[in-house]
Amino acid sequence: MIKRVFVFCILISISLSVSSQPGDPGGDPDAGPVPIGGIELLLLAGGALGAKRLMRKK
């Protein structure tokens, strides 16, 4: 029962944080470079880890 309440609270807090994101800032999208975000870094780290494991297997 406590586990369900905990999961419910986590889901509610995530949904509230997602719905409170700011709107579209507008402006020219080609005006400047876009910084590398967290998702790109995670994908890069996962690819590097996979390549390392493949090289170690051979």
Protein backbone atom coordinates (compact mmCIF):
# COMPACT_ATOMS: atom_id res chain seq x y z
CA MET A 1 0.00 0.00 0.00
CA ILE A 2 2.78 2.44 0.89
CA LYS A 3 4.57 1.59 -2.36
CA ARG A 4 1.47 2.54 -4.37
CA VAL A 5 1.14 5.84 -2.51
CA PHE A 6 4.81 6.59 -3.13
CA VAL A 7 4.52 5.83 -6.86
CA PHE A 8 1.35 7.93 -7.06
CA CYS A 9 3.10 10.90 -5.41
CA ILE A 10 6.07 10.59 -7.77
CA LEU A 11 3.79 10.48 -10.83
CA ILE A 12 1.84 13.52 -9.66
CA SER A 13 5.01 15.52 -9.02
CA ILE A 14 6.40 14.60 -12.45
CA SER A 15 3.18 15.55 -14.21
CA LEU A 16 3.07 18.90 -12.40
CA SER A 17 6.65 19.71 -13.34
CA VAL A 18 6.03 18.81 -16.98
CA SER A 19 2.92 20.95 -17.22
CA SER A 20 4.70 23.94 -15.69
CA GLN A 21 7.28 24.27 -18.48
CA PRO A 22 7.59 27.70 -20.10
CA GLY A 23 6.05 28.36 -23.49
CA ASP A 24 7.71 28.92 -26.85
CA PRO A 25 10.22 31.80 -26.55
CA GLY A 26 9.76 32.72 -30.21
CA GLY A 27 12.45 34.46 -32.20
CA ASP A 28 14.63 33.18 -35.02
CA PRO A 29 15.63 29.53 -34.52
CA ASP A 30 18.69 29.99 -36.76
CA ALA A 31 19.98 32.93 -34.72
CA GLY A 32 22.58 31.04 -32.68
CA PRO A 33 24.05 27.65 -31.88
CA VAL A 34 22.13 25.26 -29.68
CA PRO A 35 24.08 23.92 -26.69
CA ILE A 36 24.44 20.19 -26.19
CA GLY A 37 21.78 19.05 -23.74
CA GLY A 38 21.66 16.24 -21.22
CA ILE A 39 19.94 13.75 -23.55
CA GLU A 40 22.67 14.09 -26.15
CA LEU A 41 25.35 13.53 -23.52
CA LEU A 42 23.58 10.40 -22.27
CA LEU A 43 23.33 9.04 -25.81
CA LEU A 44 26.99 9.75 -26.40
CA ALA A 45 28.01 8.05 -23.15
CA GLY A 46 25.84 5.01 -23.97
CA GLY A 47 27.40 4.71 -27.42
CA ALA A 48 30.90 4.95 -25.98
CA LEU A 49 30.12 2.31 -23.36
CA GLY A 50 28.67 0.00 -26.02
CA ALA A 51 31.72 0.48 -28.26
CA LYS A 52 34.05 -0.23 -25.36
CA ARG A 53 32.21 -3.46 -24.52
CA LEU A 54 32.24 -4.56 -28.16
CA MET A 55 35.98 -3.95 -28.42
CA ARG A 56 36.59 -5.86 -25.18
CA LYS A 57 34.57 -8.83 -26.47
CA LYS A 58 36.71 -9.24 -29.58
